[in-house]
């Protein structure tokens, strides 16, 4: 999977989104700064549009952000900006930048699962890749 050629998805500063397709999976790396819950929701909407344009339903997102995850009220604002229907119809795997960030993202995962969204947070890219590719 490391051989995927990534290209920039422009227009999301201070975040930088890089993407590529690997055997039917949209692979997206998030770099830079989160800025705000609304900004991050906008980045995720861009990923959704990209997946739709590519005709893909499986997304592997990788955290390479420089700042800390959204928590508390920021996390709730992020989910509100996404909207309930946002992630539905796709299988989303998210790889945390480090194992100590997994807990912060798991709260968002629980919020999404309550809305019926198929998303899971991982500390390992290999585990995320298996999960997103092989439902079961």
Protein backbone atom coordinates (compact mmCIF):
# COMPACT_ATOMS: atom_id res chain seq x y z
CA UNK A 1 0.00 0.00 0.00
CA UNK A 2 2.92 2.39 0.54
CA UNK A 3 3.43 2.53 -3.22
CA UNK A 4 0.27 4.61 -3.83
CA UNK A 5 1.08 7.87 -5.59
CA UNK A 6 -0.54 10.71 -3.66
CA UNK A 7 -1.61 14.01 -5.18
CA UNK A 8 -2.76 17.22 -3.52
CA UNK A 9 -6.41 18.16 -3.19
CA UNK A 10 -6.05 21.98 -3.30
CA UNK A 11 -7.93 24.68 -1.44
CA UNK A 12 -7.94 23.50 2.18
CA UNK A 13 -5.22 25.54 3.93
CA UNK A 14 -4.12 25.39 6.72
CA UNK A 15 -4.81 21.70 6.14
CA UNK A 16 -3.30 19.80 3.26
CA UNK A 17 -5.08 16.78 1.81
CA UNK A 18 -3.17 14.26 -0.28
CA UNK A 19 -4.96 11.40 -1.98
CA UNK A 20 -4.58 8.38 -4.20
CA UNK A 21 -6.48 5.23 -5.12
CA UNK A 22 -5.25 1.77 -4.20
CA UNK A 23 -7.23 -1.23 -5.48
CA UNK A 24 -10.63 0.37 -5.01
CA UNK A 25 -9.84 2.24 -1.79
CA UNK A 26 -9.51 6.02 -1.61
CA UNK A 27 -6.42 6.73 0.51
CA UNK A 28 -6.30 10.23 2.01
CA UNK A 29 -3.62 11.77 4.21
CA UNK A 30 -4.50 14.79 6.34
CA UNK A 31 -1.52 17.14 6.93
CA UNK A 32 -1.20 20.59 8.52
CA UNK A 33 -3.59 22.24 10.99
CA UNK A 34 -7.24 21.56 11.83
CA UNK A 35 -8.01 25.30 12.28
CA UNK A 36 -11.65 24.82 13.40
CA UNK A 37 -14.42 22.21 13.52
CA UNK A 38 -16.11 23.84 10.51
CA UNK A 39 -12.84 23.80 8.54
CA UNK A 40 -12.23 20.11 9.29
CA UNK A 41 -15.81 19.26 8.33
CA UNK A 42 -15.17 21.08 5.03
CA UNK A 43 -12.08 18.92 4.48
CA UNK A 44 -14.09 15.76 5.12
CA UNK A 45 -16.80 16.96 2.72
CA UNK A 46 -14.07 17.40 0.09
CA UNK A 47 -13.00 13.79 0.70
CA UNK A 48 -16.60 12.63 0.33
CA UNK A 49 -16.94 14.50 -2.99
CA UNK A 50 -13.66 12.98 -4.16
CA UNK A 51 -14.85 9.46 -3.23
CA UNK A 52 -18.11 10.09 -5.10
CA UNK A 53 -16.25 11.40 -8.16
CA UNK A 54 -14.01 8.32 -8.14
CA UNK A 55 -16.98 5.97 -7.59
CA UNK A 56 -15.44 4.61 -4.37
CA UNK A 57 -17.20 3.51 -1.18
CA UNK A 58 -14.13 2.60 0.90
CA UNK A 59 -11.96 5.35 2.39
CA UNK A 60 -8.73 4.98 4.34
CA UNK A 61 -7.88 8.29 6.04
CA UNK A 62 -4.51 8.80 7.71
CA UNK A 63 -3.82 11.47 10.35
CA UNK A 64 -0.57 13.31 9.79
CA UNK A 65 -1.84 16.56 11.35
CA UNK A 66 0.52 18.78 13.34
CA UNK A 67 -1.98 19.75 16.02
CA UNK A 68 -4.17 17.96 18.53
CA UNK A 69 -7.48 16.18 17.74
CA UNK A 70 -10.79 17.93 18.28
CA UNK A 71 -12.29 17.17 21.70
CA UNK A 72 -15.35 18.07 23.74
CA UNK A 73 -17.40 20.92 22.28
CA UNK A 74 -15.15 21.12 19.21
CA UNK A 75 -15.87 17.45 18.45
CA UNK A 76 -19.62 18.01 18.81
CA UNK A 77 -19.40 21.04 16.49
CA UNK A 78 -17.45 18.96 13.95
CA UNK A 79 -20.13 16.23 13.92
CA UNK A 80 -22.87 18.89 13.62
CA UNK A 81 -21.09 20.47 10.63
CA UNK A 82 -20.76 17.07 8.95
CA UNK A 83 -24.44 16.25 9.26
CA UNK A 84 -26.01 12.87 9.92
CA UNK A 85 -26.05 11.74 6.30
CA UNK A 86 -22.42 12.63 5.62
CA UNK A 87 -20.54 9.36 6.09
CA UNK A 88 -23.40 6.98 5.33
CA UNK A 89 -23.00 4.68 2.38
CA UNK A 90 -19.23 4.44 2.74
CA UNK A 91 -16.83 2.43 4.86
CA UNK A 92 -14.41 4.83 6.59
CA UNK A 93 -11.20 3.74 8.35
CA UNK A 94 -9.18 6.39 10.17
CA UNK A 95 -5.58 5.83 11.26
CA UNK A 96 -4.56 7.93 14.26
CA UNK A 97 -1.16 9.62 14.08
CA UNK A 98 -0.07 7.90 17.28
CA UNK A 99 -1.50 5.40 19.72
CA UNK A 100 -2.05 8.13 22.34
CA UNK A 101 -4.48 9.90 19.95
CA UNK A 102 -6.72 6.86 19.42
CA UNK A 103 -8.78 7.62 22.55
CA UNK A 104 -9.59 11.14 21.37
CA UNK A 105 -10.80 9.82 18.02
CA UNK A 106 -12.78 6.95 19.55
CA UNK A 107 -15.25 9.47 21.02
CA UNK A 108 -15.92 10.75 17.50
CA UNK A 109 -16.22 7.16 16.31
CA UNK A 110 -18.89 6.49 18.94
CA UNK A 111 -20.81 9.62 17.89
CA UNK A 112 -20.71 8.43 14.27
CA UNK A 113 -21.76 4.88 15.13
CA UNK A 114 -24.81 6.27 16.96
CA UNK A 115 -25.79 7.88 13.65
CA UNK A 116 -25.40 4.57 11.80
CA UNK A 117 -22.13 5.53 10.12
CA UNK A 118 -19.63 2.76 9.39
CA UNK A 119 -16.37 4.26 10.67
CA UNK A 120 -13.58 2.87 12.80
CA UNK A 121 -10.42 4.34 14.31
CA UNK A 122 -7.13 2.44 14.29
CA UNK A 123 -3.64 2.84 15.71
CA UNK A 124 -2.25 0.64 12.93
CA UNK A 125 -2.44 1.34 9.20
CA UNK A 126 -2.23 -2.39 8.46
CA UNK A 127 -5.29 -3.12 10.64
CA UNK A 128 -7.20 -0.22 9.10
CA UNK A 129 -6.37 -1.44 5.61
CA UNK A 130 -7.65 -4.95 6.37
CA UNK A 131 -10.85 -3.64 7.97
CA UNK A 132 -11.71 -1.22 5.16
CA UNK A 133 -11.03 -3.81 2.45
CA UNK A 134 -12.59 -6.90 3.99
CA UNK A 135 -15.89 -6.24 5.77
CA UNK A 136 -16.99 -8.95 8.08
